Amino acid sequence: MDVLARITEQDFSGATGELPAGFLFASVKNVGREDVVVNGVPLAPGEAKSYPFVGKGYEAVPFEVNGAAQLRVMYIL
């Protein structure tokens, strides 16, 4: 196990993916022009959502980005 946490930042467009199981903190923001779906919930353009540190890792969180939508994702493992 690594001593230091690993930060990953990515942009997704036209893709389906997920935040990996075991992440400690995550933030997602819709920076596109259409809704995206994060964990089954629509996220309108300009809206953001975070998963704060709760003392243990999260399960994987799926997301779906279609059309002109773009999702900016940052998570810490």
PDB file of N, CA and C in Angstrom:
ATOM      1  N   MET A   1       0.838  -1.186   0.000  1.00  0.00           N
ATOM      2  CA  MET A   1       0.000   0.000   0.000  1.00  0.00           C
ATOM      3  C   MET A   1       0.875   1.239   0.000  1.00  0.00           C
ATOM      4  N   ASP A   2       0.530   2.201  -0.851  1.00  0.00           N
ATOM      5  CA  ASP A   2       1.278   3.447  -0.917  1.00  0.00           C
ATOM      6  C   ASP A   2       1.051   4.280   0.338  1.00  0.00           C
ATOM      7  N   VAL A   3       2.070   5.013   0.724  1.00  0.00           N
ATOM      8  CA  VAL A   3       1.968   5.883   1.886  1.00  0.00           C
ATOM      9  C   VAL A   3       1.190   7.148   1.548  1.00  0.00           C
ATOM     10  N   LEU A   4       1.345   7.659   0.333  1.00  0.00           N
ATOM     11  CA  LEU A   4       0.694   8.895  -0.082  1.00  0.00           C
ATOM     12  C   LEU A   4      -0.495   8.606  -0.992  1.00  0.00           C
ATOM     13  N   ALA A   5      -1.520   9.432  -0.863  1.00  0.00           N
ATOM     14  CA  ALA A   5      -2.710   9.289  -1.713  1.00  0.00           C
ATOM     15  C   ALA A   5      -2.367   9.702  -3.137  1.00  0.00           C
ATOM     16  N   ARG A   6      -3.062   9.129  -4.104  1.00  0.00           N
ATOM     17  CA  ARG A   6      -2.836   9.424  -5.523  1.00  0.00           C
ATOM     18  C   ARG A   6      -4.027  10.214  -6.057  1.00  0.00           C
ATOM     19  N   ILE A   7      -3.778  11.403  -6.606  1.00  0.00           N
ATOM     20  CA  ILE A   7      -4.824  12.260  -7.170  1.00  0.00           C
ATOM     21  C   ILE A   7      -4.892  12.022  -8.681  1.00  0.00           C
ATOM     22  N   THR A   8      -6.114  11.855  -9.188  1.00  0.00           N
ATOM     23  CA  THR A   8      -6.333  11.696 -10.622  1.00  0.00           C
ATOM     24  C   THR A   8      -7.346  12.734 -11.073  1.00  0.00           C
ATOM     25  N   GLU A   9      -7.019  13.478 -12.139  1.00  0.00           N
ATOM     26  CA  GLU A   9      -7.935  14.453 -12.725  1.00  0.00           C
ATOM     27  C   GLU A   9      -8.081  14.140 -14.207  1.00  0.00           C
ATOM     28  N   GLN A  10      -9.340  14.040 -14.690  1.00  0.00           N
ATOM     29  CA  GLN A  10      -9.606  13.695 -16.078  1.00  0.00           C
ATOM     30  C   GLN A  10     -10.871  14.384 -16.563  1.00  0.00           C
ATOM     31  N   ASP A  11     -10.948  14.605 -17.865  1.00  0.00           N
ATOM     32  CA  ASP A  11     -12.174  15.058 -18.519  1.00  0.00           C
ATOM     33  C   ASP A  11     -12.705  13.905 -19.362  1.00  0.00           C
ATOM     34  N   PHE A  12     -14.019  13.715 -19.349  1.00  0.00           N
ATOM     35  CA  PHE A  12     -14.669  12.667 -20.124  1.00  0.00           C
ATOM     36  C   PHE A  12     -15.717  13.291 -21.028  1.00  0.00           C
ATOM     37  N   SER A  13     -15.785  12.841 -22.271  1.00  0.00           N
ATOM     38  CA  SER A  13     -16.851  13.246 -23.183  1.00  0.00           C
ATOM     39  C   SER A  13     -17.210  12.041 -24.037  1.00  0.00           C
ATOM     40  N   GLY A  14     -18.505  11.826 -24.217  1.00  0.00           N
ATOM     41  CA  GLY A  14     -18.977  10.712 -25.019  1.00  0.00           C
ATOM     42  C   GLY A  14     -18.541   9.365 -24.500  1.00  0.00           C
ATOM     43  N   ALA A  15     -18.525   9.198 -23.189  1.00  0.00           N
ATOM     44  CA  ALA A  15     -18.039   7.948 -22.609  1.00  0.00           C
ATOM     45  C   ALA A  15     -18.866   7.544 -21.395  1.00  0.00           C
ATOM     46  N   THR A  16     -18.825   6.277 -21.126  1.00  0.00           N
ATOM     47  CA  THR A  16     -19.387   5.741 -19.895  1.00  0.00           C
ATOM     48  C   THR A  16     -18.210   5.268 -19.058  1.00  0.00           C
ATOM     49  N   GLY A  17     -18.246   5.546 -17.775  1.00  0.00           N
ATOM     50  CA  GLY A  17     -17.134   5.140 -16.919  1.00  0.00           C
ATOM     51  C   GLY A  17     -17.574   5.065 -15.474  1.00  0.00           C
ATOM     52  N   GLU A  18     -16.590   5.046 -14.595  1.00  0.00           N
ATOM     53  CA  GLU A  18     -16.911   5.016 -13.170  1.00  0.00           C
ATOM     54  C   GLU A  18     -15.744   5.541 -12.357  1.00  0.00           C
ATOM     55  N   LEU A  19     -16.096   6.080 -11.198  1.00  0.00           N
ATOM     56  CA  LEU A  19     -15.082   6.390 -10.211  1.00  0.00           C
ATOM     57  C   LEU A  19     -14.687   5.043  -9.615  1.00  0.00           C
ATOM     58  N   PRO A  20     -13.406   4.756  -9.472  1.00  0.00           N
ATOM     59  CA  PRO A  20     -12.997   3.419  -9.052  1.00  0.00           C
ATOM     60  C   PRO A  20     -13.341   3.109  -7.600  1.00  0.00           C
ATOM     61  N   ALA A  21     -13.604   1.849  -7.334  1.00  0.00           N
ATOM     62  CA  ALA A  21     -13.874   1.407  -5.962  1.00  0.00           C
ATOM     63  C   ALA A  21     -12.668   1.747  -5.083  1.00  0.00           C
ATOM     64  N   GLY A  22     -12.948   2.197  -3.876  1.00  0.00           N
ATOM     65  CA  GLY A  22     -11.895   2.504  -2.915  1.00  0.00           C
ATOM     66  C   GLY A  22     -11.475   3.957  -2.879  1.00  0.00           C
ATOM     67  N   PHE A  23     -12.076   4.820  -3.739  1.00  0.00           N
ATOM     68  CA  PHE A  23     -11.662   6.226  -3.699  1.00  0.00           C
ATOM     69  C   PHE A  23     -12.047   6.840  -2.356  1.00  0.00           C
ATOM     70  N   LEU A  24     -11.225   7.796  -1.898  1.00  0.00           N
ATOM     71  CA  LEU A  24     -11.428   8.430  -0.595  1.00  0.00           C
ATOM     72  C   LEU A  24     -12.189   9.745  -0.685  1.00  0.00           C
ATOM     73  N   PHE A  25     -12.045  10.442  -1.807  1.00  0.00           N
ATOM     74  CA  PHE A  25     -12.725  11.713  -2.047  1.00  0.00           C
ATOM     75  C   PHE A  25     -12.873  11.851  -3.558  1.00  0.00           C
ATOM     76  N   ALA A  26     -13.971  12.441  -3.998  1.00  0.00           N
ATOM     77  CA  ALA A  26     -14.145  12.691  -5.427  1.00  0.00           C
ATOM     78  C   ALA A  26     -14.999  13.932  -5.637  1.00  0.00           C
ATOM     79  N   SER A  27     -14.749  14.587  -6.763  1.00  0.00           N
ATOM     80  CA  SER A  27     -15.526  15.737  -7.181  1.00  0.00           C
ATOM     81  C   SER A  27     -15.767  15.600  -8.674  1.00  0.00           C
ATOM     82  N   VAL A  28     -17.009  15.830  -9.105  1.00  0.00           N
ATOM     83  CA  VAL A  28     -17.350  15.789 -10.523  1.00  0.00           C
ATOM     84  C   VAL A  28     -18.087  17.075 -10.879  1.00  0.00           C
ATOM     85  N   LYS A  29     -17.806  17.622 -12.060  1.00  0.00           N
ATOM     86  CA  LYS A  29     -18.490  18.830 -12.508  1.00  0.00           C
ATOM     87  C   LYS A  29     -18.835  18.672 -13.982  1.00  0.00           C
ATOM     88  N   ASN A  30     -20.068  19.019 -14.318  1.00  0.00           N
ATOM     89  CA  ASN A  30     -20.507  19.003 -15.704  1.00  0.00           C
ATOM     90  C   ASN A  30     -20.049  20.299 -16.343  1.00  0.00           C
ATOM     91  N   VAL A  31     -19.033  20.224 -17.210  1.00  0.00           N
ATOM     92  CA  VAL A  31     -18.499  21.411 -17.875  1.00  0.00           C
ATOM     93  C   VAL A  31     -18.947  21.469 -19.337  1.00  0.00           C
ATOM     94  N   GLY A  32     -19.908  20.624 -19.699  1.00  0.00           N
ATOM     95  CA  GLY A  32     -20.419  20.579 -21.065  1.00  0.00           C
ATOM     96  C   GLY A  32     -21.707  21.358 -21.235  1.00  0.00           C
ATOM     97  N   ARG A  33     -22.431  21.042 -22.332  1.00  0.00           N
ATOM     98  CA  ARG A  33     -23.664  21.763 -22.667  1.00  0.00           C
ATOM     99  C   ARG A  33     -24.914  20.911 -22.488  1.00  0.00           C
ATOM    100  N   GLU A  34     -24.761  19.649 -22.090  1.00  0.00           N
ATOM    101  CA  GLU A  34     -25.895  18.749 -21.882  1.00  0.00           C
ATOM    102  C   GLU A  34     -25.761  18.057 -20.534  1.00  0.00           C
ATOM    103  N   ASP A  35     -26.885  17.503 -20.059  1.00  0.00           N
ATOM    104  CA  ASP A  35     -26.874  16.767 -18.794  1.00  0.00           C
ATOM    105  C   ASP A  35     -25.959  15.550 -18.871  1.00  0.00           C
ATOM    106  N   VAL A  36     -25.369  15.203 -17.739  1.00  0.00           N
ATOM    107  CA  VAL A  36     -24.658  13.940 -17.581  1.00  0.00           C
ATOM    108  C   VAL A  36     -25.360  13.179 -16.454  1.00  0.00           C
ATOM    109  N   VAL A  37     -25.119  11.896 -16.350  1.00  0.00           N
ATOM    110  CA  VAL A  37     -25.729  11.087 -15.299  1.00  0.00           C
ATOM    111  C   VAL A  37     -24.617  10.528 -14.421  1.00  0.00           C
ATOM    112  N   VAL A  38     -24.674  10.850 -13.114  1.00  0.00           N
ATOM    113  CA  VAL A  38     -23.688  10.373 -12.156  1.00  0.00           C
ATOM    114  C   VAL A  38     -24.420   9.585 -11.083  1.00  0.00           C
ATOM    115  N   ASN A  39     -24.099   8.307 -10.962  1.00  0.00           N
ATOM    116  CA  ASN A  39     -24.725   7.431  -9.975  1.00  0.00           C
ATOM    117  C   ASN A  39     -26.242   7.414 -10.129  1.00  0.00           C
ATOM    118  N   GLY A  40     -26.710   7.478 -11.391  1.00  0.00           N
ATOM    119  CA  GLY A  40     -28.136   7.413 -11.674  1.00  0.00           C
ATOM    120  C   GLY A  40     -28.881   8.725 -11.535  1.00  0.00           C
ATOM    121  N   VAL A  41     -28.180   9.816 -11.223  1.00  0.00           N
ATOM    122  CA  VAL A  41     -28.812  11.122 -11.008  1.00  0.00           C
ATOM    123  C   VAL A  41     -28.316  12.109 -12.068  1.00  0.00           C
ATOM    124  N   PRO A  42     -29.238  12.804 -12.788  1.00  0.00           N
ATOM    125  CA  PRO A  42     -28.804  13.787 -13.793  1.00  0.00           C
ATOM    126  C   PRO A  42     -28.088  14.973 -13.143  1.00  0.00           C
ATOM    127  N   LEU A  43     -27.058  15.451 -13.830  1.00  0.00           N
ATOM    128  CA  LEU A  43     -26.299  16.607 -13.380  1.00  0.00           C
ATOM    129  C   LEU A  43     -26.318  17.614 -14.528  1.00  0.00           C
ATOM    130  N   ALA A  44     -26.981  18.759 -14.319  1.00  0.00           N
ATOM    131  CA  ALA A  44     -27.152  19.774 -15.361  1.00  0.00           C
ATOM    132  C   ALA A  44     -25.835  20.496 -15.657  1.00  0.00           C
ATOM    133  N   PRO A  45     -25.712  21.127 -16.811  1.00  0.00           N
ATOM    134  CA  PRO A  45     -24.505  21.892 -17.131  1.00  0.00           C
ATOM    135  C   PRO A  45     -24.187  22.921 -16.040  1.00  0.00           C
ATOM    136  N   GLY A  46     -22.921  22.966 -15.635  1.00  0.00           N
ATOM    137  CA  GLY A  46     -22.481  23.900 -14.601  1.00  0.00           C
ATOM    138  C   GLY A  46     -22.598  23.369 -13.182  1.00  0.00           C
ATOM    139  N   GLU A  47     -23.341  22.289 -12.979  1.00  0.00           N
ATOM    140  CA  GLU A  47     -23.504  21.732 -11.633  1.00  0.00           C
ATOM    141  C   GLU A  47     -22.342  20.814 -11.275  1.00  0.00           C
ATOM    142  N   ALA A  48     -22.075  20.743  -9.984  1.00  0.00           N
ATOM    143  CA  ALA A  48     -21.001  19.888  -9.474  1.00  0.00           C
ATOM    144  C   ALA A  48     -21.532  19.044  -8.325  1.00  0.00           C
ATOM    145  N   LYS A  49     -20.832  17.962  -8.052  1.00  0.00           N
ATOM    146  CA  LYS A  49     -21.198  17.060  -6.960  1.00  0.00           C
ATOM    147  C   LYS A  49     -19.901  16.531  -6.372  1.00  0.00           C
ATOM    148  N   SER A  50     -19.875  16.355  -5.053  1.00  0.00           N
ATOM    149  CA  SER A  50     -18.675  15.793  -4.442  1.00  0.00           C
ATOM    150  C   SER A  50     -19.050  14.652  -3.512  1.00  0.00           C
ATOM    151  N   TYR A  51     -18.091  13.790  -3.324  1.00  0.00           N
ATOM    152  CA  TYR A  51     -18.196  12.670  -2.397  1.00  0.00           C
ATOM    153  C   TYR A  51     -17.106  12.899  -1.355  1.00  0.00           C
ATOM    154  N   PRO A  52     -17.461  13.449  -0.175  1.00  0.00           N
ATOM    155  CA  PRO A  52     -16.461  13.835   0.820  1.00  0.00           C
ATOM    156  C   PRO A  52     -15.832  12.622   1.509  1.00  0.00           C
ATOM    157  N   PHE A  53     -14.692  12.848   2.133  1.00  0.00           N
ATOM    158  CA  PHE A  53     -14.029  11.800   2.910  1.00  0.00           C
ATOM    159  C   PHE A  53     -14.919  11.410   4.080  1.00  0.00           C
ATOM    160  N   VAL A  54     -15.185  10.116   4.229  1.00  0.00           N
ATOM    161  CA  VAL A  54     -16.062   9.636   5.305  1.00  0.00           C
ATOM    162  C   VAL A  54     -15.377   8.598   6.195  1.00  0.00           C
ATOM    163  N   GLY A  55     -14.060   8.465   6.064  1.00  0.00           N
ATOM    164  CA  GLY A  55     -13.330   7.550   6.929  1.00  0.00           C
ATOM    165  C   GLY A  55     -13.064   6.178   6.323  1.00  0.00           C
ATOM    166  N   LYS A  56     -13.668   5.892   5.178  1.00  0.00           N
ATOM    167  CA  LYS A  56     -13.381   4.639   4.474  1.00  0.00           C
ATOM    168  C   LYS A  56     -13.662   4.851   2.998  1.00  0.00           C
ATOM    169  N   GLY A  57     -13.170   3.951   2.160  1.00  0.00           N
ATOM    170  CA  GLY A  57     -13.328   4.092   0.724  1.00  0.00           C
ATOM    171  C   GLY A  57     -14.764   3.876   0.264  1.00  0.00           C
ATOM    172  N   TYR A  58     -15.108   4.482  -0.864  1.00  0.00           N
ATOM    173  CA  TYR A  58     -16.436   4.339  -1.466  1.00  0.00           C
ATOM    174  C   TYR A  58     -16.469   3.138  -2.411  1.00  0.00           C
ATOM    175  N   GLU A  59     -17.675   2.656  -2.680  1.00  0.00           N
ATOM    176  CA  GLU A  59     -17.882   1.699  -3.758  1.00  0.00           C
ATOM    177  C   GLU A  59     -17.727   2.450  -5.074  1.00  0.00           C
ATOM    178  N   ALA A  60     -17.552   1.727  -6.183  1.00  0.00           N
ATOM    179  CA  ALA A  60     -17.448   2.359  -7.501  1.00  0.00           C
ATOM    180  C   ALA A  60     -18.728   3.147  -7.798  1.00  0.00           C
ATOM    181  N   VAL A  61     -18.586   4.313  -8.427  1.00  0.00           N
ATOM    182  CA  VAL A  61     -19.713   5.174  -8.778  1.00  0.00           C
ATOM    183  C   VAL A  61     -19.734   5.335 -10.305  1.00  0.00           C
ATOM    184  N   PRO A  62     -20.784   4.827 -10.975  1.00  0.00           N
ATOM    185  CA  PRO A  62     -20.838   4.909 -12.435  1.00  0.00           C
ATOM    186  C   PRO A  62     -21.268   6.296 -12.919  1.00  0.00           C
ATOM    187  N   PHE A  63     -20.824   6.647 -14.136  1.00  0.00           N
ATOM    188  CA  PHE A  63     -21.298   7.868 -14.770  1.00  0.00           C
ATOM    189  C   PHE A  63     -21.446   7.637 -16.269  1.00  0.00           C
ATOM    190  N   GLU A  64     -22.312   8.474 -16.886  1.00  0.00           N
ATOM    191  CA  GLU A  64     -22.596   8.369 -18.318  1.00  0.00           C
ATOM    192  C   GLU A  64     -22.552   9.763 -18.928  1.00  0.00           C
ATOM    193  N   VAL A  65     -21.729   9.940 -19.946  1.00  0.00           N
ATOM    194  CA  VAL A  65     -21.546  11.226 -20.608  1.00  0.00           C
ATOM    195  C   VAL A  65     -21.864  11.032 -22.085  1.00  0.00           C
ATOM    196  N   ASN A  66     -22.901  11.711 -22.590  1.00  0.00           N
ATOM    197  CA  ASN A  66     -23.326  11.552 -23.988  1.00  0.00           C
ATOM    198  C   ASN A  66     -23.386  12.880 -24.708  1.00  0.00           C
ATOM    199  N   GLY A  67     -23.366  12.848 -26.035  1.00  0.00           N
ATOM    200  CA  GLY A  67     -23.552  14.046 -26.848  1.00  0.00           C
ATOM    201  C   GLY A  67     -22.508  15.103 -26.592  1.00  0.00           C
ATOM    202  N   ALA A  68     -22.965  16.347 -26.385  1.00  0.00           N
ATOM    203  CA  ALA A  68     -22.068  17.476 -26.160  1.00  0.00           C
ATOM    204  C   ALA A  68     -21.729  17.649 -24.683  1.00  0.00           C
ATOM    205  N   ALA A  69     -22.067  16.658 -23.887  1.00  0.00           N
ATOM    206  CA  ALA A  69     -21.770  16.730 -22.455  1.00  0.00           C
ATOM    207  C   ALA A  69     -20.280  16.494 -22.216  1.00  0.00           C
ATOM    208  N   GLN A  70     -19.772  17.075 -21.144  1.00  0.00           N
ATOM    209  CA  GLN A  70     -18.385  16.850 -20.749  1.00  0.00           C
ATOM    210  C   GLN A  70     -18.338  16.866 -19.232  1.00  0.00           C
ATOM    211  N   LEU A  71     -17.664  15.870 -18.658  1.00  0.00           N
ATOM    212  CA  LEU A  71     -17.587  15.727 -17.212  1.00  0.00           C
ATOM    213  C   LEU A  71     -16.133  15.850 -16.774  1.00  0.00           C
ATOM    214  N   ARG A  72     -15.874  16.739 -15.842  1.00  0.00           N
ATOM    215  CA  ARG A  72     -14.544  16.881 -15.249  1.00  0.00           C
ATOM    216  C   ARG A  72     -14.548  16.118 -13.916  1.00  0.00           C
ATOM    217  N   VAL A  73     -13.620  15.202 -13.773  1.00  0.00           N
ATOM    218  CA  VAL A  73     -13.583  14.300 -12.620  1.00  0.00           C
ATOM    219  C   VAL A  73     -12.248  14.433 -11.899  1.00  0.00           C
ATOM    220  N   MET A  74     -12.286  14.505 -10.575  1.00  0.00           N
ATOM    221  CA  MET A  74     -11.099  14.474  -9.742  1.00  0.00           C
ATOM    222  C   MET A  74     -11.402  13.510  -8.606  1.00  0.00           C
ATOM    223  N   TYR A  75     -10.495  12.556  -8.388  1.00  0.00           N
ATOM    224  CA  TYR A  75     -10.677  11.652  -7.251  1.00  0.00           C
ATOM    225  C   TYR A  75      -9.332  11.317  -6.625  1.00  0.00           C
ATOM    226  N   ILE A  76      -9.410  10.900  -5.370  1.00  0.00           N
ATOM    227  CA  ILE A  76      -8.216  10.531  -4.610  1.00  0.00           C
ATOM    228  C   ILE A  76      -8.347   9.082  -4.189  1.00  0.00           C
ATOM    229  N   LEU A  77      -7.335   8.296  -4.528  1.00  0.00           N
ATOM    230  CA  LEU A  77      -7.275   6.888  -4.108  1.00  0.00           C
ATOM    231  C   LEU A  77      -6.329   6.759  -2.939  1.00  0.00           C
TER     232      LEU A  77
END
